[in-house]
Protein backbone atom coordinates (compact mmCIF):
# COMPACT_ATOMS: atom_id res chain seq x y z
CA UNK A 1 -0.15 -0.16 -0.11
CA UNK A 2 0.86 3.53 -0.97
CA UNK A 3 1.68 5.67 2.27
CA UNK A 4 2.16 9.01 0.08
CA UNK A 5 -0.27 11.47 0.89
CA UNK A 6 -1.05 14.19 -1.98
CA UNK A 7 -1.98 17.77 -1.31
CA UNK A 8 -3.69 18.85 -4.56
CA UNK A 9 -6.80 20.94 -5.33
CA UNK A 10 -8.74 21.61 -8.52
CA UNK A 11 -11.34 24.21 -8.92
CA UNK A 12 -13.46 25.71 -11.80
CA UNK A 13 -14.71 29.18 -11.50
CA UNK A 14 -14.39 32.43 -12.12
CA UNK A 15 -11.95 35.41 -11.42
CA UNK A 16 -13.12 38.34 -9.46
CA UNK A 17 -10.63 40.74 -10.45
CA UNK A 18 -7.34 40.91 -12.87
CA UNK A 19 -4.47 39.02 -11.43
CA UNK A 20 -2.33 41.66 -9.38
CA UNK A 21 1.55 40.80 -10.71
CA UNK A 22 4.30 41.69 -8.77
CA UNK A 23 8.04 41.97 -9.30
CA UNK A 24 9.82 40.54 -6.09
CA UNK A 25 13.63 42.04 -4.97
CA UNK A 26 15.27 38.60 -6.01
CA UNK A 27 13.87 38.94 -9.71
CA UNK A 28 10.87 36.57 -9.12
CA UNK A 29 7.40 37.16 -10.01
CA UNK A 30 4.13 36.59 -8.08
CA UNK A 31 0.39 36.80 -9.16
CA UNK A 32 -2.34 37.16 -6.64
CA UNK A 33 -6.01 36.74 -7.51
CA UNK A 34 -9.29 35.66 -6.15
CA UNK A 35 -11.65 32.75 -7.64
CA UNK A 36 -15.21 32.36 -7.20
CA UNK A 37 -16.75 28.85 -7.05
CA UNK A 38 -20.43 28.06 -6.94
CA UNK A 39 -22.66 25.25 -6.13
CA UNK A 40 -26.50 25.05 -6.54
CA UNK A 41 -28.80 22.95 -4.18
CA UNK A 42 -32.36 22.52 -2.94
CA UNK A 43 -32.69 23.73 0.59
CA UNK A 44 -34.85 22.12 3.38
CA UNK A 45 -37.37 24.66 2.15
CA UNK A 46 -37.59 23.25 -1.12
CA UNK A 47 -36.03 26.00 -2.81
CA UNK A 48 -33.23 26.04 -4.83
CA UNK A 49 -29.92 27.90 -3.00
CA UNK A 50 -26.45 28.88 -4.49
CA UNK A 51 -23.63 28.78 -2.17
CA UNK A 52 -20.29 30.96 -3.53
CA UNK A 53 -17.20 30.45 -1.99
CA UNK A 54 -14.20 32.74 -2.50
CA UNK A 55 -10.65 31.27 -2.97
CA UNK A 56 -7.35 33.40 -2.68
CA UNK A 57 -5.00 31.94 -5.22
CA UNK A 58 -1.41 32.79 -5.72
CA UNK A 59 0.63 31.89 -8.71
CA UNK A 60 4.80 32.17 -8.94
CA UNK A 61 7.50 32.83 -11.65
CA UNK A 62 6.39 31.60 -15.15
CA UNK A 63 2.73 30.58 -14.30
CA UNK A 64 2.48 33.79 -12.74
CA UNK A 65 3.27 35.76 -16.17
CA UNK A 66 0.93 33.54 -18.20
CA UNK A 67 -1.87 34.16 -15.67
CA UNK A 68 -1.62 37.55 -15.79
CA UNK A 69 -1.66 38.01 -19.59
CA UNK A 70 -4.36 35.67 -20.08
CA UNK A 71 -6.62 35.97 -17.34
CA UNK A 72 -8.88 39.00 -16.73
CA UNK A 73 -12.03 39.77 -14.38
CA UNK A 74 -14.55 37.20 -15.15
CA UNK A 75 -12.41 34.84 -16.86
CA UNK A 76 -13.53 30.85 -16.26
CA UNK A 77 -10.83 29.21 -15.27
CA UNK A 78 -9.95 25.58 -14.26
CA UNK A 79 -7.04 25.55 -12.23
CA UNK A 80 -4.93 23.10 -9.88
CA UNK A 81 -2.23 23.39 -7.27
CA UNK A 82 -1.91 22.89 -3.66
CA UNK A 83 -3.66 24.07 -0.35
CA UNK A 84 -1.30 26.21 1.80
CA UNK A 85 -2.12 27.56 5.44
CA UNK A 86 -0.09 30.28 6.64
CA UNK A 87 -0.14 32.94 9.24
CA UNK A 88 1.38 36.74 9.44
CA UNK A 89 1.29 39.59 12.18
CA UNK A 90 0.01 42.84 11.16
CA UNK A 91 1.51 46.08 11.59
CA UNK A 92 -0.39 46.42 14.76
CA UNK A 93 0.71 42.94 16.26
CA UNK A 94 -2.16 41.07 15.49
CA UNK A 95 -1.88 37.58 14.42
CA UNK A 96 -3.82 36.36 10.85
CA UNK A 97 -4.47 33.33 9.49
CA UNK A 98 -5.22 32.49 5.73
CA UNK A 99 -5.52 29.74 3.60
CA UNK A 100 -4.79 29.99 -0.26
CA UNK A 101 -4.34 27.70 -3.17
CA UNK A 102 -0.82 27.73 -4.82
CA UNK A 103 -1.62 27.37 -8.39
CA UNK A 104 0.91 25.45 -10.67
CA UNK A 105 -1.28 25.15 -13.93
CA UNK A 106 -4.40 26.38 -15.30
CA UNK A 107 -6.43 26.45 -18.36
CA UNK A 108 -8.66 29.16 -19.87
CA UNK A 109 -12.35 27.92 -20.35
CA UNK A 110 -14.17 29.11 -23.22
CA UNK A 111 -14.50 32.95 -23.92
CA UNK A 112 -17.54 35.06 -24.39
CA UNK A 113 -18.36 36.05 -27.56
CA UNK A 114 -17.56 39.71 -28.59
CA UNK A 115 -20.59 41.74 -28.60
CA UNK A 116 -20.62 44.23 -31.57
CA UNK A 117 -21.08 47.95 -30.75
CA UNK A 118 -24.77 49.32 -32.53
């Protein structure tokens, strides 16, 4: 039996805004973005409900460059990566925790047809 555990996340969703690309001091690049996923289900009252979840996503290096070139607000994207939990301290000394997906690959899903101006 293989006892190796794998940290793998796959999401299909829409970007909430354009990726934010930053150059790092040592020459690397990082892009941060948020992706919304949604799920429809019938509630106890029989009415349809929608549960929207927002996911913090970060990409590094070439993946960051490609994401910032190809992805825009509203883009539908399928992505794969790993889940990372981290903590940091704010300027006023408060400890904060966050979970993000470190994206290692993505695929742009279909594009909306261009609308002609009348």
